[in-house]
Amino acid sequence: MGEKGLPGKKAITDRHSREERRFRTDELIAGLAVLARAIATVGGGRDPAPAAHRGIGTVPGRRDAEAVDRITKTAASLQRNPVELLALEGLLCVWATDGE
């Protein structure tokens, strides 16, 4: 094999990295969809207790709709955002400062 290694190794490694990123992005989007659905369900008055201590679901409508909108925008941005962690931190920072 020599010093160069396998022919086409870089192309294979690059393709594998892109596939991993797509899988990770798909998982994050699915998780955000579950979170948005849970907030919408709690806000719909079905079971306000689980999220009431966080201020989610306590004011049906406006705050829940804003939270779902933020989640939806974050999920959409993950397709073009190279740093998923930064997008998720941005979402959580907005929630952390919401109560102030």
PDB file of N, CA and C in Angstrom:
ATOM      1  N   MET A   1       0.809  -1.195   0.000  1.00  0.00           N
ATOM      2  CA  MET A   1       0.000   0.000   0.000  1.00  0.00           C
ATOM      3  C   MET A   1       0.854   1.261   0.000  1.00  0.00           C
ATOM      4  N   GLY A   2       1.959   1.221   0.660  1.00  0.00           N
ATOM      5  CA  GLY A   2       2.839   2.381   0.647  1.00  0.00           C
ATOM      6  C   GLY A   2       2.360   3.493   1.567  1.00  0.00           C
ATOM      7  N   GLU A   3       2.901   4.681   1.341  1.00  0.00           N
ATOM      8  CA  GLU A   3       2.577   5.817   2.183  1.00  0.00           C
ATOM      9  C   GLU A   3       1.204   6.414   1.889  1.00  0.00           C
ATOM     10  N   LYS A   4       0.743   6.250   0.666  1.00  0.00           N
ATOM     11  CA  LYS A   4      -0.524   6.865   0.283  1.00  0.00           C
ATOM     12  C   LYS A   4      -1.727   6.132   0.847  1.00  0.00           C
ATOM     13  N   GLY A   5      -1.621   4.855   1.130  1.00  0.00           N
ATOM     14  CA  GLY A   5      -2.764   4.109   1.656  1.00  0.00           C
ATOM     15  C   GLY A   5      -3.677   3.664   0.534  1.00  0.00           C
ATOM     16  N   LEU A   6      -4.929   3.516   0.839  1.00  0.00           N
ATOM     17  CA  LEU A   6      -5.906   3.050  -0.141  1.00  0.00           C
ATOM     18  C   LEU A   6      -6.239   4.136  -1.150  1.00  0.00           C
ATOM     19  N   PRO A   7      -6.365   3.763  -2.415  1.00  0.00           N
ATOM     20  CA  PRO A   7      -6.801   4.761  -3.389  1.00  0.00           C
ATOM     21  C   PRO A   7      -8.261   5.129  -3.142  1.00  0.00           C
ATOM     22  N   GLY A   8      -8.566   6.403  -3.157  1.00  0.00           N
ATOM     23  CA  GLY A   8      -9.943   6.849  -2.943  1.00  0.00           C
ATOM     24  C   GLY A   8     -10.355   6.900  -1.480  1.00  0.00           C
ATOM     25  N   LYS A   9      -9.400   6.750  -0.579  1.00  0.00           N
ATOM     26  CA  LYS A   9      -9.728   6.743   0.857  1.00  0.00           C
ATOM     27  C   LYS A   9     -10.351   8.069   1.298  1.00  0.00           C
ATOM     28  N   LYS A  10      -9.836   9.175   0.807  1.00  0.00           N
ATOM     29  CA  LYS A  10     -10.372  10.488   1.195  1.00  0.00           C
ATOM     30  C   LYS A  10     -11.821  10.637   0.731  1.00  0.00           C
ATOM     31  N   ALA A  11     -12.115  10.206  -0.474  1.00  0.00           N
ATOM     32  CA  ALA A  11     -13.485  10.301  -0.988  1.00  0.00           C
ATOM     33  C   ALA A  11     -14.438   9.456  -0.141  1.00  0.00           C
ATOM     34  N   ILE A  12     -13.988   8.278   0.239  1.00  0.00           N
ATOM     35  CA  ILE A  12     -14.826   7.399   1.073  1.00  0.00           C
ATOM     36  C   ILE A  12     -15.037   8.028   2.444  1.00  0.00           C
ATOM     37  N   THR A  13     -13.980   8.560   3.023  1.00  0.00           N
ATOM     38  CA  THR A  13     -14.074   9.198   4.343  1.00  0.00           C
ATOM     39  C   THR A  13     -14.984  10.421   4.295  1.00  0.00           C
ATOM     40  N   ASP A  14     -14.862  11.228   3.257  1.00  0.00           N
ATOM     41  CA  ASP A  14     -15.719  12.406   3.112  1.00  0.00           C
ATOM     42  C   ASP A  14     -17.182  12.016   2.962  1.00  0.00           C
ATOM     43  N   ARG A  15     -17.451  11.009   2.138  1.00  0.00           N
ATOM     44  CA  ARG A  15     -18.824  10.554   1.941  1.00  0.00           C
ATOM     45  C   ARG A  15     -19.408  10.024   3.258  1.00  0.00           C
ATOM     46  N   HIS A  16     -18.597   9.280   4.002  1.00  0.00           N
ATOM     47  CA  HIS A  16     -19.050   8.749   5.288  1.00  0.00           C
ATOM     48  C   HIS A  16     -19.388   9.889   6.264  1.00  0.00           C
ATOM     49  N   SER A  17     -18.571  10.926   6.284  1.00  0.00           N
ATOM     50  CA  SER A  17     -18.834  12.076   7.161  1.00  0.00           C
ATOM     51  C   SER A  17     -20.144  12.769   6.790  1.00  0.00           C
ATOM     52  N   ARG A  18     -20.394  12.913   5.483  1.00  0.00           N
ATOM     53  CA  ARG A  18     -21.653  13.535   5.040  1.00  0.00           C
ATOM     54  C   ARG A  18     -22.852  12.677   5.427  1.00  0.00           C
ATOM     55  N   GLU A  19     -22.717  11.354   5.288  1.00  0.00           N
ATOM     56  CA  GLU A  19     -23.812  10.453   5.674  1.00  0.00           C
ATOM     57  C   GLU A  19     -24.091  10.541   7.170  1.00  0.00           C
ATOM     58  N   GLU A  20     -23.034  10.569   7.971  1.00  0.00           N
ATOM     59  CA  GLU A  20     -23.212  10.707   9.426  1.00  0.00           C
ATOM     60  C   GLU A  20     -23.927  12.006   9.766  1.00  0.00           C
ATOM     61  N   ARG A  21     -23.542  13.082   9.117  1.00  0.00           N
ATOM     62  CA  ARG A  21     -24.182  14.376   9.368  1.00  0.00           C
ATOM     63  C   ARG A  21     -25.656  14.336   8.990  1.00  0.00           C
ATOM     64  N   ARG A  22     -25.987  13.715   7.850  1.00  0.00           N
ATOM     65  CA  ARG A  22     -27.395  13.605   7.450  1.00  0.00           C
ATOM     66  C   ARG A  22     -28.195  12.804   8.467  1.00  0.00           C
ATOM     67  N   PHE A  23     -27.636  11.694   8.943  1.00  0.00           N
ATOM     68  CA  PHE A  23     -28.336  10.889   9.943  1.00  0.00           C
ATOM     69  C   PHE A  23     -28.535  11.672  11.235  1.00  0.00           C
ATOM     70  N   ARG A  24     -27.490  12.365  11.667  1.00  0.00           N
ATOM     71  CA  ARG A  24     -27.570  13.149  12.897  1.00  0.00           C
ATOM     72  C   ARG A  24     -28.607  14.264  12.752  1.00  0.00           C
ATOM     73  N   THR A  25     -28.607  14.932  11.613  1.00  0.00           N
ATOM     74  CA  THR A  25     -29.572  16.002  11.365  1.00  0.00           C
ATOM     75  C   THR A  25     -30.993  15.456  11.356  1.00  0.00           C
ATOM     76  N   ASP A  26     -31.206  14.317  10.702  1.00  0.00           N
ATOM     77  CA  ASP A  26     -32.537  13.708  10.674  1.00  0.00           C
ATOM     78  C   ASP A  26     -33.019  13.349  12.081  1.00  0.00           C
ATOM     79  N   GLU A  27     -32.109  12.838  12.907  1.00  0.00           N
ATOM     80  CA  GLU A  27     -32.477  12.495  14.283  1.00  0.00           C
ATOM     81  C   GLU A  27     -32.826  13.745  15.088  1.00  0.00           C
ATOM     82  N   LEU A  28     -32.056  14.800  14.928  1.00  0.00           N
ATOM     83  CA  LEU A  28     -32.344  16.049  15.643  1.00  0.00           C
ATOM     84  C   LEU A  28     -33.684  16.636  15.207  1.00  0.00           C
ATOM     85  N   ILE A  29     -33.959  16.611  13.914  1.00  0.00           N
ATOM     86  CA  ILE A  29     -35.228  17.144  13.414  1.00  0.00           C
ATOM     87  C   ILE A  29     -36.396  16.322  13.957  1.00  0.00           C
ATOM     88  N   ALA A  30     -36.241  15.003  13.996  1.00  0.00           N
ATOM     89  CA  ALA A  30     -37.302  14.151  14.550  1.00  0.00           C
ATOM     90  C   ALA A  30     -37.516  14.457  16.033  1.00  0.00           C
ATOM     91  N   GLY A  31     -36.429  14.646  16.776  1.00  0.00           N
ATOM     92  CA  GLY A  31     -36.550  14.977  18.187  1.00  0.00           C
ATOM     93  C   GLY A  31     -37.204  16.329  18.410  1.00  0.00           C
ATOM     94  N   LEU A  32     -36.872  17.305  17.590  1.00  0.00           N
ATOM     95  CA  LEU A  32     -37.502  18.620  17.704  1.00  0.00           C
ATOM     96  C   LEU A  32     -38.986  18.547  17.355  1.00  0.00           C
ATOM     97  N   ALA A  33     -39.353  17.684  16.405  1.00  0.00           N
ATOM     98  CA  ALA A  33     -40.768  17.515  16.058  1.00  0.00           C
ATOM     99  C   ALA A  33     -41.539  16.928  17.235  1.00  0.00           C
ATOM    100  N   VAL A  34     -40.937  15.976  17.930  1.00  0.00           N
ATOM    101  CA  VAL A  34     -41.582  15.398  19.117  1.00  0.00           C
ATOM    102  C   VAL A  34     -41.744  16.462  20.196  1.00  0.00           C
ATOM    103  N   LEU A  35     -40.715  17.270  20.396  1.00  0.00           N
ATOM    104  CA  LEU A  35     -40.782  18.348  21.385  1.00  0.00           C
ATOM    105  C   LEU A  35     -41.878  19.351  21.030  1.00  0.00           C
ATOM    106  N   ALA A  36     -41.947  19.762  19.770  1.00  0.00           N
ATOM    107  CA  ALA A  36     -42.976  20.714  19.341  1.00  0.00           C
ATOM    108  C   ALA A  36     -44.370  20.123  19.522  1.00  0.00           C
ATOM    109  N   ARG A  37     -44.524  18.849  19.192  1.00  0.00           N
ATOM    110  CA  ARG A  37     -45.823  18.192  19.353  1.00  0.00           C
ATOM    111  C   ARG A  37     -46.223  18.128  20.833  1.00  0.00           C
ATOM    112  N   ALA A  38     -45.250  17.855  21.696  1.00  0.00           N
ATOM    113  CA  ALA A  38     -45.532  17.791  23.134  1.00  0.00           C
ATOM    114  C   ALA A  38     -45.959  19.158  23.663  1.00  0.00           C
ATOM    115  N   ILE A  39     -45.290  20.207  23.234  1.00  0.00           N
ATOM    116  CA  ILE A  39     -45.661  21.557  23.674  1.00  0.00           C
ATOM    117  C   ILE A  39     -47.044  21.915  23.164  1.00  0.00           C
ATOM    118  N   ALA A  40     -47.324  21.586  21.920  1.00  0.00           N
ATOM    119  CA  ALA A  40     -48.644  21.887  21.352  1.00  0.00           C
ATOM    120  C   ALA A  40     -49.733  21.103  22.073  1.00  0.00           C
ATOM    121  N   THR A  41     -49.448  19.867  22.440  1.00  0.00           N
ATOM    122  CA  THR A  41     -50.428  19.040  23.152  1.00  0.00           C
ATOM    123  C   THR A  41     -50.685  19.590  24.546  1.00  0.00           C
ATOM    124  N   VAL A  42     -49.628  19.936  25.244  1.00  0.00           N
ATOM    125  CA  VAL A  42     -49.777  20.495  26.592  1.00  0.00           C
ATOM    126  C   VAL A  42     -50.517  21.820  26.511  1.00  0.00           C
ATOM    127  N   GLY A  43     -50.197  22.636  25.532  1.00  0.00           N
ATOM    128  CA  GLY A  43     -50.846  23.925  25.359  1.00  0.00           C
ATOM    129  C   GLY A  43     -52.304  23.786  24.969  1.00  0.00           C
ATOM    130  N   GLY A  44     -52.654  22.645  24.391  1.00  0.00           N
ATOM    131  CA  GLY A  44     -54.030  22.412  23.998  1.00  0.00           C
ATOM    132  C   GLY A  44     -54.935  22.081  25.168  1.00  0.00           C
ATOM    133  N   GLY A  45     -54.367  22.029  26.369  1.00  0.00           N
ATOM    134  CA  GLY A  45     -55.179  21.827  27.557  1.00  0.00           C
ATOM    135  C   GLY A  45     -55.389  20.376  27.938  1.00  0.00           C
ATOM    136  N   ARG A  46     -54.701  19.460  27.276  1.00  0.00           N
ATOM    137  CA  ARG A  46     -54.907  18.043  27.601  1.00  0.00           C
ATOM    138  C   ARG A  46     -54.298  17.677  28.938  1.00  0.00           C
ATOM    139  N   ASP A  47     -53.065  18.116  29.188  1.00  0.00           N
ATOM    140  CA  ASP A  47     -52.401  17.781  30.447  1.00  0.00           C
ATOM    141  C   ASP A  47     -51.386  18.872  30.779  1.00  0.00           C
ATOM    142  N   PRO A  48     -51.801  19.956  31.424  1.00  0.00           N
ATOM    143  CA  PRO A  48     -50.897  21.084  31.667  1.00  0.00           C
ATOM    144  C   PRO A  48     -49.864  20.838  32.756  1.00  0.00           C
ATOM    145  N   ALA A  49     -49.997  19.802  33.554  1.00  0.00           N
ATOM    146  CA  ALA A  49     -49.119  19.611  34.698  1.00  0.00           C
ATOM    147  C   ALA A  49     -47.647  19.399  34.343  1.00  0.00           C
ATOM    148  N   PRO A  50     -47.286  18.535  33.388  1.00  0.00           N
ATOM    149  CA  PRO A  50     -45.864  18.247  33.188  1.00  0.00           C
ATOM    150  C   PRO A  50     -45.007  19.458  32.836  1.00  0.00           C
ATOM    151  N   ALA A  51     -45.515  20.388  32.069  1.00  0.00           N
ATOM    152  CA  ALA A  51     -44.690  21.508  31.632  1.00  0.00           C
ATOM    153  C   ALA A  51     -44.999  22.795  32.381  1.00  0.00           C
ATOM    154  N   ALA A  52     -45.964  22.775  33.261  1.00  0.00           N
ATOM    155  CA  ALA A  52     -46.374  24.007  33.936  1.00  0.00           C
ATOM    156  C   ALA A  52     -45.247  24.594  34.770  1.00  0.00           C
ATOM    157  N   HIS A  53     -44.406  23.750  35.361  1.00  0.00           N
ATOM    158  CA  HIS A  53     -43.323  24.270  36.190  1.00  0.00           C
ATOM    159  C   HIS A  53     -42.265  25.002  35.374  1.00  0.00           C
ATOM    160  N   ARG A  54     -42.244  24.815  34.055  1.00  0.00           N
ATOM    161  CA  ARG A  54     -41.294  25.512  33.195  1.00  0.00           C
ATOM    162  C   ARG A  54     -41.935  26.714  32.520  1.00  0.00           C
ATOM    163  N   GLY A  55     -43.202  26.949  32.755  1.00  0.00           N
ATOM    164  CA  GLY A  55     -43.862  28.080  32.132  1.00  0.00           C
ATOM    165  C   GLY A  55     -44.398  27.774  30.751  1.00  0.00           C
ATOM    166  N   ILE A  56     -44.217  26.549  30.293  1.00  0.00           N
ATOM    167  CA  ILE A  56     -44.734  26.153  28.992  1.00  0.00           C
ATOM    168  C   ILE A  56     -46.120  25.558  29.216  1.00  0.00           C
ATOM    169  N   GLY A  57     -47.064  25.987  28.452  1.00  0.00           N
ATOM    170  CA  GLY A  57     -48.403  25.428  28.581  1.00  0.00           C
ATOM    171  C   GLY A  57     -49.274  26.157  29.581  1.00  0.00           C
ATOM    172  N   THR A  58     -48.707  27.118  30.304  1.00  0.00           N
ATOM    173  CA  THR A  58     -49.492  27.806  31.313  1.00  0.00           C
ATOM    174  C   THR A  58     -50.354  28.895  30.705  1.00  0.00           C
ATOM    175  N   VAL A  59     -49.920  29.477  29.619  1.00  0.00           N
ATOM    176  CA  VAL A  59     -50.715  30.471  28.907  1.00  0.00           C
ATOM    177  C   VAL A  59     -51.039  29.864  27.550  1.00  0.00           C
ATOM    178  N   PRO A  60     -52.186  29.213  27.450  1.00  0.00           N
ATOM    179  CA  PRO A  60     -52.488  28.525  26.194  1.00  0.00           C
ATOM    180  C   PRO A  60     -52.458  29.490  25.023  1.00  0.00           C
ATOM    181  N   GLY A  61     -51.850  29.075  23.974  1.00  0.00           N
ATOM    182  CA  GLY A  61     -51.857  29.866  22.765  1.00  0.00           C
ATOM    183  C   GLY A  61     -50.552  30.566  22.468  1.00  0.00           C
ATOM    184  N   ARG A  62     -50.409  31.788  22.918  1.00  0.00           N
ATOM    185  CA  ARG A  62     -49.322  32.659  22.476  1.00  0.00           C
ATOM    186  C   ARG A  62     -47.929  32.087  22.755  1.00  0.00           C
ATOM    187  N   ARG A  63     -47.607  31.798  24.016  1.00  0.00           N
ATOM    188  CA  ARG A  63     -46.253  31.320  24.348  1.00  0.00           C
ATOM    189  C   ARG A  63     -45.982  29.958  23.731  1.00  0.00           C
ATOM    190  N   ASP A  64     -46.996  29.099  23.729  1.00  0.00           N
ATOM    191  CA  ASP A  64     -46.802  27.780  23.138  1.00  0.00           C
ATOM    192  C   ASP A  64     -46.597  27.894  21.636  1.00  0.00           C
ATOM    193  N   ALA A  65     -47.372  28.757  20.994  1.00  0.00           N
ATOM    194  CA  ALA A  65     -47.225  28.954  19.548  1.00  0.00           C
ATOM    195  C   ALA A  65     -45.847  29.521  19.226  1.00  0.00           C
ATOM    196  N   GLU A  66     -45.359  30.433  20.056  1.00  0.00           N
ATOM    197  CA  GLU A  66     -44.023  31.004  19.851  1.00  0.00           C
ATOM    198  C   GLU A  66     -42.948  29.926  20.013  1.00  0.00           C
ATOM    199  N   ALA A  67     -43.112  29.075  21.022  1.00  0.00           N
ATOM    200  CA  ALA A  67     -42.138  28.001  21.251  1.00  0.00           C
ATOM    201  C   ALA A  67     -42.123  27.027  20.075  1.00  0.00           C
ATOM    202  N   VAL A  68     -43.300  26.646  19.598  1.00  0.00           N
ATOM    203  CA  VAL A  68     -43.380  25.731  18.466  1.00  0.00           C
ATOM    204  C   VAL A  68     -42.783  26.389  17.223  1.00  0.00           C
ATOM    205  N   ASP A  69     -43.017  27.682  17.051  1.00  0.00           N
ATOM    206  CA  ASP A  69     -42.457  28.401  15.906  1.00  0.00           C
ATOM    207  C   ASP A  69     -40.929  28.417  15.970  1.00  0.00           C
ATOM    208  N   ARG A  70     -40.380  28.662  17.158  1.00  0.00           N
ATOM    209  CA  ARG A  70     -38.918  28.658  17.311  1.00  0.00           C
ATOM    210  C   ARG A  70     -38.341  27.277  17.007  1.00  0.00           C
ATOM    211  N   ILE A  71     -39.010  26.251  17.494  1.00  0.00           N
ATOM    212  CA  ILE A  71     -38.549  24.882  17.246  1.00  0.00           C
ATOM    213  C   ILE A  71     -38.582  24.576  15.751  1.00  0.00           C
ATOM    214  N   THR A  72     -39.657  24.980  15.087  1.00  0.00           N
ATOM    215  CA  THR A  72     -39.795  24.737  13.649  1.00  0.00           C
ATOM    216  C   THR A  72     -38.694  25.457  12.871  1.00  0.00           C
ATOM    217  N   LYS A  73     -38.416  26.693  13.236  1.00  0.00           N
ATOM    218  CA  LYS A  73     -37.356  27.451  12.554  1.00  0.00           C
ATOM    219  C   LYS A  73     -35.983  26.817  12.793  1.00  0.00           C
ATOM    220  N   THR A  74     -35.750  26.353  14.010  1.00  0.00           N
ATOM    221  CA  THR A  74     -34.476  25.706  14.312  1.00  0.00           C
ATOM    222  C   THR A  74     -34.330  24.427  13.500  1.00  0.00           C
ATOM    223  N   ALA A  75     -35.404  23.632  13.433  1.00  0.00           N
ATOM    224  CA  ALA A  75     -35.363  22.390  12.657  1.00  0.00           C
ATOM    225  C   ALA A  75     -35.073  22.679  11.183  1.00  0.00           C
ATOM    226  N   ALA A  76     -35.691  23.721  10.650  1.00  0.00           N
ATOM    227  CA  ALA A  76     -35.455  24.080   9.247  1.00  0.00           C
ATOM    228  C   ALA A  76     -34.014  24.548   9.037  1.00  0.00           C
ATOM    229  N   SER A  77     -33.460  25.238  10.015  1.00  0.00           N
ATOM    230  CA  SER A  77     -32.095  25.748   9.863  1.00  0.00           C
ATOM    231  C   SER A  77     -31.050  24.645   9.951  1.00  0.00           C
ATOM    232  N   LEU A  78     -31.399  23.506  10.532  1.00  0.00           N
ATOM    233  CA  LEU A  78     -30.429  22.426  10.668  1.00  0.00           C
ATOM    234  C   LEU A  78     -29.994  21.874   9.318  1.00  0.00           C
ATOM    235  N   GLN A  79     -30.831  22.000   8.303  1.00  0.00           N
ATOM    236  CA  GLN A  79     -30.474  21.500   6.982  1.00  0.00           C
ATOM    237  C   GLN A  79     -29.289  22.272   6.389  1.00  0.00           C
ATOM    238  N   ARG A  80     -29.157  23.541   6.735  1.00  0.00           N
ATOM    239  CA  ARG A  80     -28.083  24.341   6.148  1.00  0.00           C
ATOM    240  C   ARG A  80     -27.073  24.834   7.190  1.00  0.00           C
ATOM    241  N   ASN A  81     -27.304  24.535   8.460  1.00  0.00           N
ATOM    242  CA  ASN A  81     -26.428  25.001   9.527  1.00  0.00           C
ATOM    243  C   ASN A  81     -25.324  23.965   9.764  1.00  0.00           C
ATOM    244  N   PRO A  82     -24.081  24.327   9.579  1.00  0.00           N
ATOM    245  CA  PRO A  82     -23.016  23.347   9.749  1.00  0.00           C
ATOM    246  C   PRO A  82     -22.746  22.984  11.214  1.00  0.00           C
ATOM    247  N   VAL A  83     -23.251  23.750  12.145  1.00  0.00           N
ATOM    248  CA  VAL A  83     -22.983  23.490  13.556  1.00  0.00           C
ATOM    249  C   VAL A  83     -24.322  23.297  14.285  1.00  0.00           C
ATOM    250  N   GLU A  84     -24.726  22.032  14.415  1.00  0.00           N
ATOM    251  CA  GLU A  84     -26.012  21.741  15.045  1.00  0.00           C
ATOM    252  C   GLU A  84     -26.054  22.213  16.490  1.00  0.00           C
ATOM    253  N   LEU A  85     -24.950  22.034  17.188  1.00  0.00           N
ATOM    254  CA  LEU A  85     -24.896  22.412  18.603  1.00  0.00           C
ATOM    255  C   LEU A  85     -25.188  23.897  18.786  1.00  0.00           C
ATOM    256  N   LEU A  86     -24.669  24.723  17.912  1.00  0.00           N
ATOM    257  CA  LEU A  86     -24.893  26.159  18.002  1.00  0.00           C
ATOM    258  C   LEU A  86     -26.367  26.503  17.784  1.00  0.00           C
ATOM    259  N   ALA A  87     -27.013  25.833  16.835  1.00  0.00           N
ATOM    260  CA  ALA A  87     -28.437  26.066  16.584  1.00  0.00           C
ATOM    261  C   ALA A  87     -29.274  25.658  17.796  1.00  0.00           C
ATOM    262  N   LEU A  88     -28.945  24.523  18.401  1.00  0.00           N
ATOM    263  CA  LEU A  88     -29.691  24.067  19.579  1.00  0.00           C
ATOM    264  C   LEU A  88     -29.426  24.978  20.782  1.00  0.00           C
ATOM    265  N   GLU A  89     -28.197  25.423  20.947  1.00  0.00           N
ATOM    266  CA  GLU A  89     -27.887  26.358  22.030  1.00  0.00           C
ATOM    267  C   GLU A  89     -28.676  27.648  21.866  1.00  0.00           C
ATOM    268  N   GLY A  90     -28.775  28.128  20.629  1.00  0.00           N
ATOM    269  CA  GLY A  90     -29.551  29.338  20.369  1.00  0.00           C
ATOM    270  C   GLY A  90     -31.007  29.169  20.761  1.00  0.00           C
ATOM    271  N   LEU A  91     -31.566  28.014  20.447  1.00  0.00           N
ATOM    272  CA  LEU A  91     -32.956  27.730  20.810  1.00  0.00           C
ATOM    273  C   LEU A  91     -33.121  27.709  22.331  1.00  0.00           C
ATOM    274  N   LEU A  92     -32.232  27.032  23.010  1.00  0.00           N
ATOM    275  CA  LEU A  92     -32.346  26.923  24.467  1.00  0.00           C
ATOM    276  C   LEU A  92     -32.044  28.246  25.168  1.00  0.00           C
ATOM    277  N   CYS A  93     -31.148  29.040  24.622  1.00  0.00           N
ATOM    278  CA  CYS A  93     -30.850  30.349  25.228  1.00  0.00           C
ATOM    279  C   CYS A  93     -32.059  31.274  25.150  1.00  0.00           C
ATOM    280  N   VAL A  94     -32.800  31.204  24.066  1.00  0.00           N
ATOM    281  CA  VAL A  94     -33.996  32.022  23.945  1.00  0.00           C
ATOM    282  C   VAL A  94     -35.001  31.619  25.017  1.00  0.00           C
ATOM    283  N   TRP A  95     -35.144  30.305  25.244  1.00  0.00           N
ATOM    284  CA  TRP A  95     -36.066  29.853  26.293  1.00  0.00           C
ATOM    285  C   TRP A  95     -35.586  30.250  27.681  1.00  0.00           C
ATOM    286  N   ALA A  96     -34.285  30.200  27.886  1.00  0.00           N
ATOM    287  CA  ALA A  96     -33.737  30.531  29.201  1.00  0.00           C
ATOM    288  C   ALA A  96     -33.968  32.000  29.541  1.00  0.00           C
ATOM    289  N   THR A  97     -33.945  32.870  28.550  1.00  0.00           N
ATOM    290  CA  THR A  97     -34.139  34.293  28.813  1.00  0.00           C
ATOM    291  C   THR A  97     -35.592  34.722  28.678  1.00  0.00           C
ATOM    292  N   ASP A  98     -36.468  33.814  28.271  1.00  0.00           N
ATOM    293  CA  ASP A  98     -37.876  34.136  28.102  1.00  0.00           C
ATOM    294  C   ASP A  98     -38.554  34.579  29.389  1.00  0.00           C
ATOM    295  N   GLY A  99     -38.184  33.969  30.484  1.00  0.00           N
ATOM    296  CA  GLY A  99     -38.864  34.250  31.747  1.00  0.00           C
ATOM    297  C   GLY A  99     -38.404  35.523  32.424  1.00  0.00           C
ATOM    298  N   GLU A 100     -37.386  36.160  31.910  1.00  0.00           N
ATOM    299  CA  GLU A 100     -36.841  37.363  32.568  1.00  0.00           C
ATOM    300  C   GLU A 100     -37.617  38.592  32.228  1.00  0.00           C
TER     301      GLU A 100
END
